[in-house]
N, C-alpha and C. Protein backbone atom coordinates (compact mmCIF):
# COMPACT_ATOMS: atom_id res chain seq x y z
N MET A 1 10.35 -4.82 13.41
CA MET A 1 9.14 -4.78 12.63
C MET A 1 9.30 -5.35 11.24
N ILE A 2 10.42 -5.09 10.58
CA ILE A 2 10.60 -5.62 9.24
C ILE A 2 10.56 -7.14 9.26
N ALA A 3 11.24 -7.74 10.21
CA ALA A 3 11.25 -9.20 10.29
C ALA A 3 9.84 -9.73 10.45
N ASN A 4 9.02 -9.08 11.24
CA ASN A 4 7.65 -9.50 11.43
C ASN A 4 6.87 -9.42 10.12
N ALA A 5 7.07 -8.33 9.37
CA ALA A 5 6.39 -8.19 8.09
C ALA A 5 6.87 -9.25 7.11
N VAL A 6 8.17 -9.58 7.15
CA VAL A 6 8.70 -10.62 6.27
C VAL A 6 8.04 -11.95 6.57
N LEU A 7 7.94 -12.29 7.84
CA LEU A 7 7.35 -13.56 8.23
C LEU A 7 5.86 -13.61 7.92
N GLN A 8 5.23 -12.45 7.88
CA GLN A 8 3.78 -12.39 7.72
C GLN A 8 3.37 -11.80 6.38
N GLY A 9 4.24 -11.82 5.36
CA GLY A 9 3.97 -11.14 4.10
C GLY A 9 2.60 -11.41 3.51
N ASP A 10 2.27 -12.68 3.25
CA ASP A 10 0.98 -13.00 2.66
C ASP A 10 -0.16 -12.62 3.59
N THR A 11 0.03 -12.88 4.89
CA THR A 11 -0.99 -12.52 5.87
C THR A 11 -1.19 -11.01 5.91
N LEU A 12 -0.11 -10.26 5.83
CA LEU A 12 -0.21 -8.81 5.84
C LEU A 12 -0.92 -8.29 4.60
N ILE A 13 -0.66 -8.89 3.46
CA ILE A 13 -1.37 -8.50 2.23
C ILE A 13 -2.86 -8.76 2.39
N ASP A 14 -3.21 -9.95 2.86
CA ASP A 14 -4.63 -10.29 3.07
C ASP A 14 -5.28 -9.34 4.07
N LEU A 15 -4.55 -9.05 5.15
CA LEU A 15 -5.07 -8.14 6.17
C LEU A 15 -5.31 -6.75 5.57
N ALA A 16 -4.35 -6.25 4.79
CA ALA A 16 -4.49 -4.92 4.18
C ALA A 16 -5.67 -4.91 3.21
N LEU A 17 -5.79 -5.94 2.39
CA LEU A 17 -6.91 -6.00 1.45
C LEU A 17 -8.25 -6.06 2.17
N ASP A 18 -8.33 -6.83 3.25
CA ASP A 18 -9.56 -6.91 4.03
C ASP A 18 -9.89 -5.56 4.67
N ALA A 19 -8.86 -4.90 5.22
CA ALA A 19 -9.09 -3.59 5.85
C ALA A 19 -9.55 -2.56 4.81
N LEU A 20 -8.98 -2.61 3.63
CA LEU A 20 -9.39 -1.70 2.56
C LEU A 20 -10.81 -2.01 2.10
N ASP A 21 -11.12 -3.30 1.97
CA ASP A 21 -12.45 -3.71 1.55
C ASP A 21 -13.51 -3.33 2.57
N ASP A 22 -13.17 -3.39 3.86
CA ASP A 22 -14.11 -3.03 4.92
C ASP A 22 -14.68 -1.63 4.73
N LEU A 23 -13.85 -0.72 4.24
CA LEU A 23 -14.27 0.68 4.07
C LEU A 23 -14.47 1.05 2.61
N LYS A 24 -14.67 0.04 1.77
CA LYS A 24 -15.05 0.24 0.36
C LYS A 24 -13.99 0.97 -0.47
N ALA A 25 -12.74 0.52 -0.37
CA ALA A 25 -11.68 1.07 -1.22
C ALA A 25 -12.01 0.77 -2.69
N LEU A 26 -11.56 1.63 -3.56
CA LEU A 26 -11.78 1.45 -4.98
C LEU A 26 -10.56 0.80 -5.63
N ASP A 27 -10.80 -0.19 -6.47
CA ASP A 27 -9.80 -0.81 -7.33
C ASP A 27 -8.51 -1.22 -6.62
N PRO A 28 -8.57 -2.01 -5.55
CA PRO A 28 -7.33 -2.44 -4.91
C PRO A 28 -6.57 -3.44 -5.79
N VAL A 29 -5.25 -3.29 -5.82
CA VAL A 29 -4.39 -4.23 -6.55
C VAL A 29 -3.16 -4.55 -5.70
N VAL A 30 -2.59 -5.71 -5.97
CA VAL A 30 -1.34 -6.12 -5.34
C VAL A 30 -0.34 -6.35 -6.46
N ILE A 31 0.84 -5.75 -6.32
CA ILE A 31 1.89 -5.92 -7.33
C ILE A 31 3.10 -6.56 -6.67
N ASP A 32 3.55 -7.65 -7.23
CA ASP A 32 4.74 -8.35 -6.77
C ASP A 32 5.95 -7.65 -7.39
N VAL A 33 6.77 -7.02 -6.56
CA VAL A 33 7.93 -6.28 -7.07
C VAL A 33 9.25 -6.93 -6.61
N ARG A 34 9.19 -8.19 -6.20
CA ARG A 34 10.39 -8.85 -5.70
C ARG A 34 11.52 -8.88 -6.73
N GLU A 35 11.19 -8.99 -8.01
CA GLU A 35 12.21 -9.02 -9.05
C GLU A 35 12.72 -7.62 -9.40
N LEU A 36 12.04 -6.60 -8.93
CA LEU A 36 12.37 -5.22 -9.30
C LEU A 36 12.96 -4.39 -8.18
N SER A 37 12.77 -4.82 -6.94
CA SER A 37 13.17 -4.00 -5.80
C SER A 37 13.81 -4.84 -4.70
N SER A 38 14.84 -4.28 -4.10
CA SER A 38 15.44 -4.92 -2.93
C SER A 38 14.90 -4.30 -1.65
N VAL A 39 14.03 -3.31 -1.78
CA VAL A 39 13.51 -2.57 -0.63
C VAL A 39 12.19 -3.15 -0.15
N MET A 40 11.39 -3.68 -1.05
CA MET A 40 10.08 -4.21 -0.70
C MET A 40 9.76 -5.38 -1.61
N ASP A 41 8.77 -6.17 -1.20
CA ASP A 41 8.34 -7.31 -2.00
C ASP A 41 7.01 -7.07 -2.71
N TYR A 42 6.11 -6.36 -2.05
CA TYR A 42 4.78 -6.16 -2.60
C TYR A 42 4.31 -4.73 -2.41
N LEU A 43 3.58 -4.24 -3.40
CA LEU A 43 2.86 -2.97 -3.28
C LEU A 43 1.37 -3.30 -3.26
N VAL A 44 0.66 -2.70 -2.35
CA VAL A 44 -0.80 -2.75 -2.34
C VAL A 44 -1.25 -1.34 -2.66
N ILE A 45 -2.05 -1.19 -3.71
CA ILE A 45 -2.49 0.13 -4.15
C ILE A 45 -4.01 0.14 -4.20
N ALA A 46 -4.62 1.20 -3.67
CA ALA A 46 -6.07 1.35 -3.70
C ALA A 46 -6.42 2.83 -3.73
N SER A 47 -7.65 3.13 -4.08
CA SER A 47 -8.12 4.51 -4.12
C SER A 47 -9.24 4.73 -3.13
N GLY A 48 -9.34 5.99 -2.69
CA GLY A 48 -10.45 6.44 -1.88
C GLY A 48 -11.13 7.60 -2.60
N THR A 49 -12.35 7.88 -2.24
CA THR A 49 -13.15 8.86 -2.98
C THR A 49 -12.90 10.31 -2.55
N SER A 50 -12.24 10.52 -1.41
CA SER A 50 -11.99 11.87 -0.90
C SER A 50 -10.79 11.80 0.05
N ALA A 51 -10.33 12.96 0.48
CA ALA A 51 -9.21 12.99 1.44
C ALA A 51 -9.59 12.24 2.71
N ARG A 52 -10.79 12.45 3.19
CA ARG A 52 -11.24 11.76 4.41
C ARG A 52 -11.29 10.25 4.21
N HIS A 53 -11.78 9.82 3.05
CA HIS A 53 -11.87 8.39 2.76
C HIS A 53 -10.47 7.78 2.66
N VAL A 54 -9.54 8.46 1.99
CA VAL A 54 -8.17 7.98 1.86
C VAL A 54 -7.55 7.81 3.25
N LYS A 55 -7.70 8.83 4.10
CA LYS A 55 -7.14 8.77 5.45
C LYS A 55 -7.77 7.64 6.25
N SER A 56 -9.08 7.47 6.13
CA SER A 56 -9.77 6.40 6.87
C SER A 56 -9.33 5.02 6.40
N LEU A 57 -9.15 4.86 5.09
CA LEU A 57 -8.69 3.58 4.57
C LEU A 57 -7.31 3.22 5.11
N ALA A 58 -6.39 4.17 5.02
CA ALA A 58 -5.03 3.93 5.52
C ALA A 58 -5.04 3.66 7.02
N ASP A 59 -5.82 4.42 7.75
CA ASP A 59 -5.91 4.23 9.20
C ASP A 59 -6.47 2.85 9.53
N ASN A 60 -7.44 2.39 8.76
CA ASN A 60 -8.01 1.07 9.01
C ASN A 60 -6.97 -0.03 8.79
N VAL A 61 -6.10 0.14 7.80
CA VAL A 61 -5.01 -0.83 7.60
C VAL A 61 -4.11 -0.85 8.83
N VAL A 62 -3.75 0.32 9.33
CA VAL A 62 -2.87 0.40 10.51
C VAL A 62 -3.54 -0.23 11.73
N VAL A 63 -4.79 0.08 11.96
CA VAL A 63 -5.52 -0.45 13.11
C VAL A 63 -5.63 -1.97 13.03
N ARG A 64 -6.00 -2.49 11.87
CA ARG A 64 -6.14 -3.94 11.72
C ARG A 64 -4.79 -4.65 11.88
N ALA A 65 -3.71 -4.04 11.38
CA ALA A 65 -2.39 -4.65 11.53
C ALA A 65 -1.95 -4.62 13.00
N LYS A 66 -2.24 -3.53 13.69
CA LYS A 66 -1.87 -3.44 15.11
C LYS A 66 -2.58 -4.51 15.92
N GLU A 67 -3.79 -4.88 15.53
CA GLU A 67 -4.51 -5.95 16.21
C GLU A 67 -3.75 -7.27 16.11
N GLN A 68 -2.91 -7.39 15.09
CA GLN A 68 -2.09 -8.59 14.89
C GLN A 68 -0.64 -8.36 15.32
N ALA A 69 -0.42 -7.29 16.10
CA ALA A 69 0.91 -6.94 16.63
C ALA A 69 1.89 -6.53 15.54
N LEU A 70 1.38 -6.03 14.43
CA LEU A 70 2.22 -5.52 13.34
C LEU A 70 2.15 -4.00 13.35
N ARG A 71 3.29 -3.36 13.47
CA ARG A 71 3.35 -1.90 13.50
C ARG A 71 4.05 -1.42 12.24
N PRO A 72 3.55 -0.35 11.64
CA PRO A 72 4.21 0.16 10.43
C PRO A 72 5.57 0.79 10.76
N ILE A 73 6.47 0.72 9.82
CA ILE A 73 7.74 1.41 9.93
C ILE A 73 7.49 2.90 9.84
N GLY A 74 6.53 3.27 9.00
CA GLY A 74 6.18 4.67 8.86
C GLY A 74 4.87 4.85 8.13
N VAL A 75 4.26 6.00 8.35
CA VAL A 75 3.04 6.40 7.65
C VAL A 75 3.27 7.82 7.18
N GLU A 76 3.07 8.06 5.89
CA GLU A 76 3.29 9.38 5.31
C GLU A 76 2.04 9.87 4.59
N GLY A 77 1.78 11.16 4.68
CA GLY A 77 0.71 11.78 3.90
C GLY A 77 -0.64 11.84 4.55
N GLU A 78 -0.76 11.37 5.78
CA GLU A 78 -2.08 11.32 6.40
C GLU A 78 -2.66 12.69 6.73
N THR A 79 -1.83 13.72 6.83
CA THR A 79 -2.38 15.04 7.15
C THR A 79 -3.13 15.65 5.97
N VAL A 80 -2.67 15.36 4.75
CA VAL A 80 -3.33 15.93 3.57
C VAL A 80 -4.39 14.98 3.03
N GLY A 81 -4.08 13.71 2.93
CA GLY A 81 -5.06 12.72 2.49
C GLY A 81 -5.19 12.56 1.00
N GLU A 82 -4.29 13.13 0.24
CA GLU A 82 -4.31 12.93 -1.21
C GLU A 82 -3.66 11.59 -1.56
N TRP A 83 -2.60 11.25 -0.80
CA TRP A 83 -1.87 10.00 -0.99
C TRP A 83 -1.28 9.62 0.36
N VAL A 84 -1.69 8.50 0.91
CA VAL A 84 -1.15 8.02 2.18
C VAL A 84 -0.39 6.73 1.90
N LEU A 85 0.84 6.68 2.41
CA LEU A 85 1.69 5.51 2.26
C LEU A 85 1.87 4.90 3.65
N VAL A 86 1.64 3.60 3.74
CA VAL A 86 1.84 2.86 4.99
C VAL A 86 2.91 1.81 4.69
N ASP A 87 4.05 1.92 5.36
CA ASP A 87 5.21 1.09 5.08
C ASP A 87 5.38 0.01 6.14
N TYR A 88 5.26 -1.24 5.71
CA TYR A 88 5.50 -2.39 6.59
C TYR A 88 6.77 -3.14 6.20
N GLY A 89 7.67 -2.47 5.52
CA GLY A 89 8.91 -3.11 5.10
C GLY A 89 8.72 -3.84 3.79
N ASP A 90 8.42 -5.11 3.85
CA ASP A 90 8.26 -5.89 2.63
C ASP A 90 6.93 -5.64 1.93
N VAL A 91 5.98 -5.08 2.63
CA VAL A 91 4.68 -4.72 2.06
C VAL A 91 4.46 -3.23 2.28
N VAL A 92 4.22 -2.52 1.18
CA VAL A 92 3.96 -1.08 1.25
C VAL A 92 2.57 -0.82 0.68
N VAL A 93 1.74 -0.14 1.45
CA VAL A 93 0.37 0.15 1.06
C VAL A 93 0.27 1.61 0.64
N HIS A 94 -0.26 1.84 -0.56
CA HIS A 94 -0.50 3.19 -1.08
C HIS A 94 -2.00 3.37 -1.22
N VAL A 95 -2.55 4.41 -0.59
CA VAL A 95 -3.97 4.73 -0.75
C VAL A 95 -4.02 6.15 -1.30
N MET A 96 -4.67 6.32 -2.44
CA MET A 96 -4.67 7.61 -3.13
C MET A 96 -6.05 7.99 -3.62
N GLN A 97 -6.22 9.30 -3.80
CA GLN A 97 -7.40 9.75 -4.51
C GLN A 97 -7.22 9.38 -5.98
N PRO A 98 -8.32 9.16 -6.71
CA PRO A 98 -8.21 8.70 -8.10
C PRO A 98 -7.35 9.58 -9.01
N ALA A 99 -7.44 10.88 -8.89
CA ALA A 99 -6.64 11.76 -9.75
C ALA A 99 -5.15 11.59 -9.48
N THR A 100 -4.79 11.45 -8.22
CA THR A 100 -3.39 11.25 -7.85
C THR A 100 -2.91 9.89 -8.34
N ARG A 101 -3.74 8.90 -8.18
CA ARG A 101 -3.37 7.56 -8.64
C ARG A 101 -3.17 7.54 -10.14
N GLY A 102 -4.05 8.20 -10.86
CA GLY A 102 -3.91 8.27 -12.31
C GLY A 102 -2.66 9.03 -12.74
N PHE A 103 -2.35 10.11 -12.04
CA PHE A 103 -1.19 10.92 -12.40
C PHE A 103 0.12 10.15 -12.21
N TYR A 104 0.28 9.50 -11.05
CA TYR A 104 1.52 8.78 -10.76
C TYR A 104 1.57 7.39 -11.38
N ASP A 105 0.42 6.79 -11.63
CA ASP A 105 0.30 5.52 -12.35
C ASP A 105 1.32 4.47 -11.88
N LEU A 106 1.32 4.21 -10.57
CA LEU A 106 2.27 3.26 -10.01
C LEU A 106 2.13 1.87 -10.59
N GLU A 107 0.92 1.48 -10.95
CA GLU A 107 0.72 0.16 -11.55
C GLU A 107 1.57 0.02 -12.81
N ARG A 108 1.52 1.00 -13.68
CA ARG A 108 2.31 0.96 -14.91
C ARG A 108 3.79 1.06 -14.61
N LEU A 109 4.14 1.95 -13.70
CA LEU A 109 5.54 2.16 -13.35
C LEU A 109 6.21 0.87 -12.87
N TRP A 110 5.50 0.11 -12.02
CA TRP A 110 6.08 -1.09 -11.43
C TRP A 110 5.86 -2.34 -12.25
N THR A 111 5.10 -2.27 -13.34
CA THR A 111 4.88 -3.46 -14.15
C THR A 111 5.40 -3.31 -15.58
N ALA A 112 5.84 -2.11 -15.95
CA ALA A 112 6.36 -1.88 -17.30
C ALA A 112 7.68 -2.64 -17.47
N PRO A 113 7.90 -3.20 -18.67
CA PRO A 113 9.18 -3.87 -18.89
C PRO A 113 10.33 -2.88 -18.84
N PRO A 114 11.47 -3.29 -18.34
CA PRO A 114 12.62 -2.38 -18.27
C PRO A 114 13.08 -1.98 -19.66
N VAL A 115 13.59 -0.77 -19.75
CA VAL A 115 14.13 -0.27 -21.01
C VAL A 115 15.61 -0.64 -21.04
N PRO A 116 16.06 -1.30 -22.13
CA PRO A 116 17.48 -1.69 -22.19
C PRO A 116 18.39 -0.47 -22.26
N ALA A 117 19.54 -0.57 -21.61
CA ALA A 117 20.53 0.50 -21.66
C ALA A 117 21.22 0.49 -23.02
N ASP A 118 21.55 1.65 -23.50
CA ASP A 118 22.25 1.73 -24.81
C ASP A 118 23.69 1.33 -24.71
């Protein structure tokens, strides 16, 4: 599966964004983390208005990817729906409720300049 995600990185990002847009995700962003992480290349982050909306958004990403023969490595958080993570290896999709997204502030975390070591 990871190799498939690697080969389809841009396509997978577009697919995830389309799937999120289909169900009216709030404020979707894509962050290129290739220079910061050896585990993944891109983060896709979006918000849903409720636990049900968050779960539906994440599920729609999984369903749309499966239509293209892409299966996630893992899906976490779908039972609660506050924050659902869908892992495709090089592309990781985070769907959160707005309060959770604001609290963890992944956009700032992954785009802040590194602090030099003393």
